[in-house]
């Protein structure tokens, strides 16, 4: 089960919001918890409180890239850590 909203789901959220549907209705339609919708709107709405599916998806992808960058443990990272540990001994 995918825990992240898809681009299509974000477009559905945008459309439902434009039609004046409630958060509860949107959550039930997408089969997600209403907290997921509130969190999506809080994280990805513009400063003027207008939700854009395209912008929301871009922001989501940027956050994913930032998070992944630091999770790769390779030989270069191992060497960096070893050097730091040796300096502090």
N, C-alpha and C. Protein backbone atom coordinates (compact mmCIF):
# COMPACT_ATOMS: atom_id res chain seq x y z
N UNK A 1 0.85 -1.19 0.00
CA UNK A 1 0.00 0.00 0.00
C UNK A 1 0.89 1.25 0.00
N UNK A 2 0.61 2.14 -0.92
CA UNK A 2 1.38 3.37 -1.04
C UNK A 2 0.87 4.38 -0.02
N UNK A 3 1.77 4.94 0.77
CA UNK A 3 1.37 5.90 1.81
C UNK A 3 1.36 7.33 1.30
N UNK A 4 1.89 7.56 0.12
CA UNK A 4 1.98 8.92 -0.41
C UNK A 4 0.87 9.17 -1.43
N UNK A 5 0.44 10.41 -1.50
CA UNK A 5 -0.56 10.78 -2.48
C UNK A 5 0.08 10.82 -3.87
N UNK A 6 -0.68 10.40 -4.86
CA UNK A 6 -0.20 10.44 -6.24
C UNK A 6 -0.54 11.79 -6.87
N UNK A 7 0.02 12.03 -8.01
CA UNK A 7 -0.26 13.27 -8.73
C UNK A 7 -1.75 13.34 -9.09
N UNK A 8 -2.32 12.20 -9.48
CA UNK A 8 -3.73 12.14 -9.84
C UNK A 8 -4.61 12.47 -8.64
N UNK A 9 -4.25 11.95 -7.46
CA UNK A 9 -5.01 12.26 -6.26
C UNK A 9 -4.94 13.74 -5.93
N UNK A 10 -3.80 14.34 -6.15
CA UNK A 10 -3.66 15.78 -5.90
C UNK A 10 -4.56 16.59 -6.84
N UNK A 11 -4.67 16.16 -8.09
CA UNK A 11 -5.57 16.84 -9.02
C UNK A 11 -7.03 16.66 -8.59
N UNK A 12 -7.34 15.49 -8.05
CA UNK A 12 -8.70 15.28 -7.55
C UNK A 12 -8.98 16.20 -6.37
N UNK A 13 -8.02 16.33 -5.47
CA UNK A 13 -8.18 17.23 -4.33
C UNK A 13 -8.43 18.65 -4.82
N UNK A 14 -7.63 19.10 -5.78
CA UNK A 14 -7.79 20.45 -6.32
C UNK A 14 -9.18 20.64 -6.91
N UNK A 15 -9.64 19.67 -7.67
CA UNK A 15 -10.96 19.77 -8.30
C UNK A 15 -12.08 19.79 -7.26
N UNK A 16 -12.00 18.90 -6.28
CA UNK A 16 -13.00 18.87 -5.23
C UNK A 16 -13.04 20.18 -4.45
N UNK A 17 -11.86 20.74 -4.16
CA UNK A 17 -11.82 22.01 -3.44
C UNK A 17 -12.46 23.13 -4.25
N UNK A 18 -12.20 23.13 -5.55
CA UNK A 18 -12.80 24.15 -6.41
C UNK A 18 -14.32 24.01 -6.49
N UNK A 19 -14.81 22.78 -6.31
CA UNK A 19 -16.26 22.54 -6.32
C UNK A 19 -16.89 22.78 -4.95
N UNK A 20 -16.05 23.10 -3.95
CA UNK A 20 -16.56 23.40 -2.63
C UNK A 20 -16.86 22.18 -1.77
N UNK A 21 -16.27 21.05 -2.10
CA UNK A 21 -16.50 19.82 -1.32
C UNK A 21 -15.76 19.89 0.01
N UNK A 22 -16.27 19.17 0.99
CA UNK A 22 -15.67 19.18 2.33
C UNK A 22 -14.44 18.27 2.37
N UNK A 23 -13.63 18.49 3.38
CA UNK A 23 -12.44 17.66 3.59
C UNK A 23 -12.85 16.21 3.82
N UNK A 24 -13.91 16.02 4.58
CA UNK A 24 -14.41 14.67 4.85
C UNK A 24 -14.82 13.98 3.55
N UNK A 25 -15.53 14.68 2.69
CA UNK A 25 -15.95 14.12 1.40
C UNK A 25 -14.73 13.75 0.55
N UNK A 26 -13.75 14.65 0.50
CA UNK A 26 -12.54 14.41 -0.29
C UNK A 26 -11.81 13.18 0.23
N UNK A 27 -11.65 13.09 1.54
CA UNK A 27 -10.94 11.96 2.15
C UNK A 27 -11.65 10.64 1.84
N UNK A 28 -12.95 10.63 1.97
CA UNK A 28 -13.72 9.41 1.68
C UNK A 28 -13.62 9.04 0.21
N UNK A 29 -13.66 10.04 -0.67
CA UNK A 29 -13.57 9.78 -2.11
C UNK A 29 -12.23 9.19 -2.51
N UNK A 30 -11.17 9.65 -1.84
CA UNK A 30 -9.82 9.16 -2.16
C UNK A 30 -9.43 7.96 -1.30
N UNK A 31 -10.30 7.59 -0.38
CA UNK A 31 -10.05 6.47 0.52
C UNK A 31 -8.78 6.68 1.36
N UNK A 32 -8.67 7.89 1.91
CA UNK A 32 -7.58 8.22 2.83
C UNK A 32 -8.18 8.88 4.07
N UNK A 33 -7.39 9.00 5.10
CA UNK A 33 -7.84 9.64 6.32
C UNK A 33 -7.95 11.15 6.09
N UNK A 34 -8.91 11.79 6.75
CA UNK A 34 -9.07 13.24 6.54
C UNK A 34 -7.84 14.01 7.01
N UNK A 35 -7.08 13.44 7.96
CA UNK A 35 -5.85 14.07 8.41
C UNK A 35 -4.84 14.17 7.27
N UNK A 36 -4.85 13.19 6.40
CA UNK A 36 -3.96 13.20 5.23
C UNK A 36 -4.27 14.41 4.35
N UNK A 37 -5.53 14.69 4.17
CA UNK A 37 -5.94 15.83 3.34
C UNK A 37 -5.55 17.15 4.02
N UNK A 38 -5.82 17.26 5.32
CA UNK A 38 -5.42 18.47 6.05
C UNK A 38 -3.90 18.69 5.95
N UNK A 39 -3.14 17.62 6.14
CA UNK A 39 -1.68 17.72 6.08
C UNK A 39 -1.22 18.12 4.68
N UNK A 40 -1.85 17.54 3.67
CA UNK A 40 -1.52 17.88 2.28
C UNK A 40 -1.76 19.36 2.01
N UNK A 41 -2.88 19.86 2.47
CA UNK A 41 -3.21 21.28 2.25
C UNK A 41 -2.27 22.19 3.02
N UNK A 42 -1.92 21.80 4.23
CA UNK A 42 -1.02 22.63 5.04
C UNK A 42 0.38 22.67 4.43
N UNK A 43 0.88 21.53 4.02
CA UNK A 43 2.25 21.46 3.49
C UNK A 43 2.39 22.06 2.10
N UNK A 44 1.35 21.92 1.29
CA UNK A 44 1.53 22.20 -0.13
C UNK A 44 0.67 23.31 -0.71
N UNK A 45 -0.06 24.02 0.12
CA UNK A 45 -0.80 25.18 -0.40
C UNK A 45 0.15 26.37 -0.49
N UNK A 46 -0.15 27.26 -1.39
CA UNK A 46 0.68 28.46 -1.50
C UNK A 46 0.39 29.39 -0.33
N UNK A 47 1.18 30.43 -0.22
CA UNK A 47 1.00 31.37 0.91
C UNK A 47 -0.37 32.05 0.87
N UNK A 48 -0.98 32.10 -0.29
CA UNK A 48 -2.30 32.72 -0.40
C UNK A 48 -3.42 31.70 -0.19
N UNK A 49 -3.07 30.53 0.33
CA UNK A 49 -4.04 29.46 0.65
C UNK A 49 -4.74 28.87 -0.56
N UNK A 50 -4.14 29.00 -1.72
CA UNK A 50 -4.70 28.40 -2.92
C UNK A 50 -3.94 27.11 -3.19
N UNK A 51 -4.67 26.00 -3.32
CA UNK A 51 -4.05 24.70 -3.54
C UNK A 51 -3.92 24.46 -5.03
N UNK A 52 -2.70 24.15 -5.47
CA UNK A 52 -2.44 23.79 -6.85
C UNK A 52 -1.82 22.40 -6.86
N UNK A 53 -2.46 21.48 -7.56
CA UNK A 53 -1.97 20.10 -7.60
C UNK A 53 -0.57 20.03 -8.20
N UNK A 54 -0.33 20.81 -9.23
CA UNK A 54 0.99 20.79 -9.89
C UNK A 54 2.08 21.26 -8.93
N UNK A 55 1.85 22.39 -8.28
CA UNK A 55 2.84 22.92 -7.32
C UNK A 55 3.00 21.98 -6.13
N UNK A 56 1.89 21.40 -5.67
CA UNK A 56 1.95 20.47 -4.53
C UNK A 56 2.80 19.26 -4.86
N UNK A 57 2.64 18.75 -6.07
CA UNK A 57 3.42 17.58 -6.47
C UNK A 57 4.90 17.94 -6.58
N UNK A 58 5.20 19.12 -7.10
CA UNK A 58 6.60 19.57 -7.20
C UNK A 58 7.23 19.67 -5.81
N UNK A 59 6.51 20.28 -4.87
CA UNK A 59 7.02 20.41 -3.50
C UNK A 59 7.27 19.04 -2.88
N UNK A 60 6.35 18.13 -3.11
CA UNK A 60 6.48 16.78 -2.57
C UNK A 60 7.71 16.08 -3.14
N UNK A 61 7.92 16.21 -4.43
CA UNK A 61 9.08 15.58 -5.07
C UNK A 61 10.39 16.18 -4.57
N UNK A 62 10.41 17.48 -4.35
CA UNK A 62 11.61 18.12 -3.82
C UNK A 62 11.95 17.62 -2.42
N UNK A 63 10.91 17.47 -1.59
CA UNK A 63 11.14 16.94 -0.24
C UNK A 63 11.68 15.52 -0.30
N UNK A 64 11.17 14.71 -1.20
CA UNK A 64 11.64 13.33 -1.35
C UNK A 64 13.11 13.32 -1.76
N UNK A 65 13.49 14.18 -2.69
CA UNK A 65 14.88 14.23 -3.15
C UNK A 65 15.81 14.65 -2.03
N UNK A 66 15.42 15.65 -1.26
CA UNK A 66 16.26 16.10 -0.16
C UNK A 66 16.45 15.00 0.87
N UNK A 67 15.40 14.27 1.15
CA UNK A 67 15.45 13.21 2.15
C UNK A 67 16.34 12.05 1.68
N UNK A 68 16.21 11.67 0.43
CA UNK A 68 16.98 10.55 -0.11
C UNK A 68 18.46 10.83 -0.17
N UNK A 69 18.83 12.05 -0.44
CA UNK A 69 20.23 12.41 -0.64
C UNK A 69 21.09 11.98 0.54
N UNK A 70 20.59 12.09 1.73
CA UNK A 70 21.38 11.80 2.91
C UNK A 70 21.26 10.36 3.40
N UNK A 71 20.49 9.57 2.72
CA UNK A 71 20.27 8.21 3.17
C UNK A 71 21.17 7.21 2.48
N UNK A 72 21.92 7.61 1.50
CA UNK A 72 22.78 6.69 0.79
C UNK A 72 24.07 6.48 1.56
N UNK A 73 24.30 5.26 1.93
CA UNK A 73 25.52 4.92 2.64
C UNK A 73 26.40 4.14 1.67
N UNK A 74 27.44 4.80 1.19
CA UNK A 74 28.34 4.18 0.24
C UNK A 74 29.78 4.29 0.76
N UNK A 75 30.73 3.88 -0.06
CA UNK A 75 32.14 3.91 0.36
C UNK A 75 32.61 5.32 0.69
N UNK A 76 32.16 6.28 -0.09
CA UNK A 76 32.53 7.67 0.15
C UNK A 76 32.02 8.15 1.51
N UNK A 77 30.79 7.81 1.83
CA UNK A 77 30.21 8.19 3.11
C UNK A 77 30.94 7.48 4.26
N UNK A 78 31.26 6.21 4.06
CA UNK A 78 31.99 5.46 5.08
C UNK A 78 33.34 6.10 5.36
N UNK A 79 34.05 6.49 4.32
CA UNK A 79 35.34 7.13 4.48
C UNK A 79 35.20 8.45 5.23
N UNK A 80 34.21 9.23 4.90
CA UNK A 80 33.96 10.51 5.56
C UNK A 80 33.71 10.30 7.06
N UNK A 81 32.89 9.33 7.38
CA UNK A 81 32.57 9.04 8.78
C UNK A 81 33.81 8.56 9.53
N UNK A 82 34.56 7.67 8.91
CA UNK A 82 35.79 7.17 9.54
C UNK A 82 36.76 8.31 9.85
N UNK A 83 36.92 9.24 8.91
CA UNK A 83 37.82 10.38 9.11
C UNK A 83 37.35 11.25 10.28
N UNK A 84 36.06 11.50 10.34
CA UNK A 84 35.51 12.32 11.43
C UNK A 84 35.69 11.64 12.77
N UNK A 85 35.46 10.34 12.81
CA UNK A 85 35.61 9.59 14.07
C UNK A 85 37.05 9.58 14.53
N UNK A 86 37.98 9.48 13.60
CA UNK A 86 39.39 9.46 13.95
C UNK A 86 39.84 10.79 14.50
N UNK A 87 39.29 11.88 13.98
CA UNK A 87 39.64 13.21 14.46
C UNK A 87 39.18 13.44 15.89
N UNK A 88 38.10 12.80 16.27
CA UNK A 88 37.50 13.02 17.59
C UNK A 88 37.97 12.01 18.63
N UNK A 89 38.91 11.17 18.30
CA UNK A 89 39.40 10.18 19.28
C UNK A 89 40.59 10.68 20.03
